Protein backbone atom coordinates (compact mmCIF):
# COMPACT_ATOMS: atom_id res chain seq x y z
CA MET A 1 46.99 -47.31 26.05
CA VAL A 2 43.60 -48.49 27.26
CA LEU A 3 42.89 -52.21 27.13
CA GLY A 4 39.14 -52.68 27.14
CA GLY A 5 38.96 -56.45 27.40
CA ILE A 6 40.23 -59.88 26.45
CA GLN A 7 38.75 -62.95 24.81
CA LYS A 8 40.75 -65.78 26.31
CA ASN A 9 40.59 -68.05 23.30
CA SER A 10 39.25 -67.91 19.77
CA PHE A 11 39.32 -70.45 16.97
CA ILE A 12 38.25 -68.03 14.21
CA ASP A 13 39.98 -64.66 14.63
CA PHE A 14 43.53 -65.62 13.57
CA PRO A 15 43.55 -67.90 10.50
CA GLY A 16 44.98 -71.31 11.35
CA LYS A 17 45.66 -70.46 14.99
CA ILE A 18 44.05 -70.65 18.40
CA SER A 19 44.40 -67.12 19.69
CA ALA A 20 43.62 -64.75 22.49
CA VAL A 21 42.03 -61.46 21.41
CA LEU A 22 43.01 -58.19 23.10
CA PHE A 23 40.63 -55.26 22.65
CA PHE A 24 41.90 -51.69 22.68
CA SER A 25 39.38 -49.10 23.84
CA GLY A 26 38.74 -46.00 21.75
CA CYS A 27 38.28 -45.47 18.01
CA ASN A 28 38.64 -42.63 15.53
CA PHE A 29 35.71 -43.89 13.43
CA ARG A 30 31.99 -43.92 14.23
CA CYS A 31 30.58 -46.70 12.06
CA PRO A 32 26.86 -47.02 12.94
CA TYR A 33 26.92 -50.83 12.72
CA CYS A 34 29.95 -51.34 14.99
CA HIS A 35 29.31 -54.29 17.31
CA ASN A 36 31.80 -53.10 19.97
CA PRO A 37 30.05 -49.86 21.06
CA GLU A 38 31.62 -49.81 24.54
CA LEU A 39 35.10 -49.84 23.02
CA VAL A 40 34.32 -47.13 20.48
CA LYS A 41 32.98 -44.94 23.27
CA ASN A 42 36.19 -45.61 25.22
CA GLN A 43 34.40 -47.47 27.97
CA SER A 44 35.98 -50.48 29.64
CA ALA A 45 34.11 -53.59 28.53
CA CYS A 46 35.85 -56.00 30.92
CA PRO A 47 37.49 -54.01 33.76
CA VAL A 48 38.95 -57.09 35.47
CA PHE A 49 41.08 -57.80 32.39
CA THR A 50 42.38 -54.31 31.63
CA ASP A 51 45.65 -54.67 33.56
CA GLU A 52 48.51 -55.18 31.10
CA GLU A 53 50.69 -57.18 33.47
CA TRP A 54 47.81 -59.53 34.26
CA ILE A 55 47.30 -60.10 30.54
CA LEU A 56 50.99 -60.77 29.93
CA GLN A 57 51.10 -63.27 32.79
CA PHE A 58 47.97 -64.96 31.46
CA LEU A 59 49.49 -65.26 27.99
CA LYS A 60 52.73 -66.59 29.42
CA LYS A 61 50.85 -69.36 31.23
CA ARG A 62 48.83 -70.19 28.10
CA LYS A 63 51.88 -70.85 25.92
CA GLY A 64 51.47 -74.25 24.34
CA PHE A 65 47.71 -73.94 24.07
CA LEU A 66 47.47 -70.54 22.38
CA ASP A 67 49.20 -70.13 19.01
CA GLY A 68 48.84 -66.37 18.59
CA VAL A 69 47.42 -63.06 19.80
CA VAL A 70 44.96 -60.81 17.97
CA ILE A 71 45.08 -57.09 18.70
CA SER A 72 41.69 -55.57 17.94
CA GLY A 73 39.46 -52.75 19.11
CA GLY A 74 38.23 -50.10 18.89
CA GLU A 75 41.20 -49.06 16.77
CA PRO A 76 44.63 -50.20 18.05
CA THR A 77 46.73 -47.91 15.84
CA ILE A 78 45.61 -44.74 17.64
CA HIS A 79 47.44 -45.86 20.82
CA HIS A 80 51.09 -44.95 21.42
CA GLY A 81 51.54 -48.02 23.61
CA LEU A 82 50.83 -50.41 20.74
CA PHE A 83 54.48 -50.88 19.78
CA LYS A 84 55.57 -51.56 23.34
CA LEU A 85 52.83 -54.16 23.81
CA CYS A 86 53.66 -55.87 20.51
CA ARG A 87 57.32 -56.14 21.54
CA LYS A 88 56.30 -57.76 24.81
CA LEU A 89 54.03 -60.23 23.01
CA LYS A 90 56.81 -61.04 20.56
CA ALA A 91 59.19 -61.60 23.49
CA LEU A 92 56.74 -64.26 24.70
CA GLY A 93 57.00 -65.91 21.30
CA TYR A 94 53.52 -65.09 19.99
CA PRO A 95 52.66 -64.33 16.36
CA ILE A 96 50.44 -61.22 16.21
CA LYS A 97 47.44 -60.39 14.08
CA LEU A 98 46.30 -56.77 13.86
CA ASP A 99 42.71 -55.70 13.19
CA THR A 100 42.64 -52.14 11.85
CA ASN A 101 40.49 -49.65 9.97
CA GLY A 102 43.52 -48.56 7.94
CA SER A 103 43.35 -44.93 9.01
CA ARG A 104 46.99 -44.69 10.13
CA PRO A 105 49.26 -46.04 7.40
CA GLU A 106 52.40 -44.74 9.10
CA VAL A 107 51.70 -46.96 12.10
CA ILE A 108 50.95 -49.97 9.92
CA ARG A 109 54.20 -49.45 8.00
CA ARG A 110 56.27 -49.20 11.16
CA LEU A 111 54.71 -52.34 12.66
CA ILE A 112 55.58 -54.25 9.49
CA VAL A 113 59.10 -52.85 9.18
CA GLU A 114 59.88 -53.68 12.81
CA GLY A 115 58.51 -57.21 12.40
CA LEU A 116 55.86 -56.71 15.06
CA VAL A 117 52.87 -58.13 13.15
CA ASP A 118 52.43 -61.38 11.23
CA TYR A 119 48.93 -60.89 9.81
CA ILE A 120 46.76 -57.83 9.18
CA ALA A 121 43.00 -57.64 8.70
CA MET A 122 41.92 -54.24 7.38
CA ASP A 123 38.30 -53.19 7.24
CA ILE A 124 37.08 -51.22 4.23
CA LYS A 125 33.74 -49.74 5.21
CA THR A 126 32.40 -48.51 1.87
CA ASP A 127 33.69 -46.81 -1.26
CA LEU A 128 35.95 -43.81 -0.73
CA ASP A 129 33.35 -41.25 -1.77
CA HIS A 130 31.11 -42.15 1.17
CA TYR A 131 33.65 -42.39 3.99
CA CYS A 132 33.18 -38.84 5.24
CA SER A 133 29.40 -39.22 5.48
CA VAL A 134 29.61 -42.63 7.18
CA VAL A 135 32.62 -42.91 9.47
CA HIS A 136 34.07 -39.43 10.11
CA PRO A 137 33.31 -36.06 8.47
CA ARG A 138 36.94 -34.86 8.55
CA PHE A 139 38.69 -38.07 7.54
CA ASN A 140 40.76 -38.16 4.34
CA PRO A 141 39.74 -41.45 2.71
CA LYS A 142 42.77 -41.39 0.41
CA THR A 143 44.76 -42.42 3.48
CA LEU A 144 43.17 -45.85 3.06
CA LEU A 145 44.78 -46.29 -0.35
CA GLU A 146 48.20 -45.89 1.25
CA SER A 147 47.37 -48.49 3.90
CA ILE A 148 46.08 -50.91 1.27
CA GLN A 149 49.27 -50.63 -0.76
CA ILE A 150 51.50 -51.01 2.32
CA ILE A 151 49.66 -54.15 3.36
CA MET A 152 49.64 -55.71 -0.11
CA ASP A 153 53.37 -55.05 -0.51
CA SER A 154 54.26 -56.27 2.98
CA GLY A 155 54.89 -59.95 2.30
CA ILE A 156 52.94 -60.97 5.41
CA GLY A 157 49.51 -62.58 5.60
CA TYR A 158 46.54 -60.25 5.24
CA GLU A 159 42.89 -59.87 4.38
CA PHE A 160 40.55 -57.02 3.57
CA ARG A 161 37.02 -57.06 5.01
CA THR A 162 33.73 -55.30 4.37
CA THR A 163 30.65 -55.57 6.58
CA CYS A 164 27.72 -55.87 4.20
CA THR A 165 24.81 -53.71 5.29
CA ARG A 166 22.62 -51.23 3.46
CA PRO A 167 22.96 -48.36 2.65
CA LEU A 168 26.74 -48.48 3.11
CA VAL A 169 27.20 -51.43 0.77
CA ASN A 170 25.62 -52.38 -2.53
CA GLU A 171 26.74 -53.89 -5.84
CA ASN A 172 28.42 -50.68 -7.02
CA VAL A 173 30.26 -50.25 -3.72
CA ILE A 174 31.62 -53.81 -3.80
CA GLY A 175 32.71 -53.26 -7.39
CA CYS A 176 34.60 -50.10 -6.39
CA ILE A 177 36.27 -51.73 -3.41
CA SER A 178 37.22 -54.84 -5.39
CA ARG A 179 38.96 -52.76 -8.05
CA MET A 180 40.68 -50.78 -5.29
CA ILE A 181 42.21 -53.98 -3.83
CA GLU A 182 42.75 -55.70 -7.19
CA GLY A 183 45.08 -58.69 -6.88
CA SER A 184 44.76 -58.98 -3.10
CA ARG A 185 45.02 -62.40 -1.47
CA LEU A 186 41.73 -62.46 0.40
CA TYR A 187 38.61 -60.32 0.50
CA VAL A 188 36.05 -61.17 3.19
CA LEU A 189 32.41 -60.11 2.98
CA GLN A 190 31.11 -60.06 6.53
CA ARG A 191 27.51 -60.56 7.54
CA PHE A 192 25.91 -57.67 9.39
CA ARG A 193 24.89 -58.43 12.98
CA LYS A 194 22.05 -56.16 14.06
CA GLU A 195 22.47 -56.78 17.81
CA ARG A 196 24.46 -54.35 19.97
CA VAL A 197 25.36 -51.70 17.42
CA LEU A 198 26.89 -48.29 18.04
CA GLU A 199 24.00 -46.29 16.58
CA PRO A 200 20.73 -48.20 17.16
CA GLY A 201 18.75 -45.25 15.84
CA PHE A 202 20.36 -45.74 12.44
CA PHE A 203 18.59 -49.10 12.25
CA TYR A 204 15.53 -48.22 14.32
CA CYS A 205 12.84 -48.21 11.63
CA ASN A 206 13.48 -51.72 10.34
CA ALA A 207 16.73 -53.46 11.24
CA ASN A 208 15.88 -56.38 8.96
CA ALA A 209 15.99 -54.04 5.97
CA PHE A 210 19.72 -53.59 6.57
CA VAL A 211 20.47 -57.33 6.71
CA MET A 212 21.43 -58.91 3.39
CA SER A 213 20.18 -62.35 2.41
CA ASP A 214 22.43 -65.24 1.42
CA ALA A 215 21.48 -64.66 -2.20
CA GLU A 216 22.45 -60.97 -2.00
CA LEU A 217 25.77 -61.82 -0.39
CA ALA A 218 26.42 -64.43 -3.08
CA LEU A 219 25.83 -61.77 -5.73
CA LEU A 220 28.29 -59.41 -4.07
CA GLN A 221 30.79 -62.25 -3.85
CA SER A 222 30.44 -62.92 -7.59
CA ILE A 223 31.17 -59.24 -8.28
CA ALA A 224 34.34 -59.28 -6.18
CA LYS A 225 35.78 -62.64 -7.26
CA PRO A 226 37.25 -61.58 -10.62
CA TRP A 227 39.36 -58.89 -8.93
CA VAL A 228 40.94 -60.83 -6.06
CA HIS A 229 42.58 -64.23 -5.54
CA SER A 230 39.90 -65.32 -3.08
CA CYS A 231 36.62 -63.86 -1.85
CA ILE A 232 34.61 -65.51 0.92
CA VAL A 233 31.47 -64.73 2.89
CA ARG A 234 31.87 -64.92 6.65
C-alpha cells in the first residue's frame, strides 16, 4: 500500500460531509486527462503525509470536525492494504467513501459485504467499445458492468461519473453510458480540467478544443436525464 498524499479537509468530495481525502499511489488505467499524474505514475505527491500511522493519528485528532474519509487515487482497489486501512478508519468511527474506476468488482463486492464503505463513486470513462483504446489495451471492459451492478444493488450511497472531454465523450457515448446505468441514483457529468494532465501531448495541439461549453454539457445532461433518477453537471 502506497499512500501518495492527503487533503486535510474537503467540503465537496463526500456528499453531505466534511472529509479528509487519502490518495493511493498507482493506477491500472492510463486516462490521458487524469489530473493526478504523479499518483498514476506511482510517484509520491506529498511525501510528508505518506506515513499511515501519522495519518491515523491526524484523523483521530480531527474527530468532531471531520465527518468522513474519502479513499481516492490513483486506484485504491489495486492495493492489498486497502481492507486493513478501511478497518482502521472504521475503528475510528469514520464513514468511508471510495473513489474507483470499477476495474476490480471482486474488491468492491468484498468492501460492501464487510461493511467497509458507505458511499462509492465510480468513474465511467467512455462507452465500453472504446475502453481498450483509451485506458488500457488489455482491459476487459465487461468487468465494469459487473461493478455497476454490484454498486447499484448494494443499498449504500453511490454515484457514477464521467469526465466530459472530446474525443472520449460525445452525445452517443453519453447515451450508451446512461442506458448502461439505467435507474441509477446519480450520474455526474464532470467538467474537464486541462491543467496538469497525465498525457499533455494528447491535448497539445489545442487544449481548448477538448473543453466542452456549458451549452454542450447541458445537452449531454438532457440526454442522460431520462435514464437516471438524477443527473448533474459538476
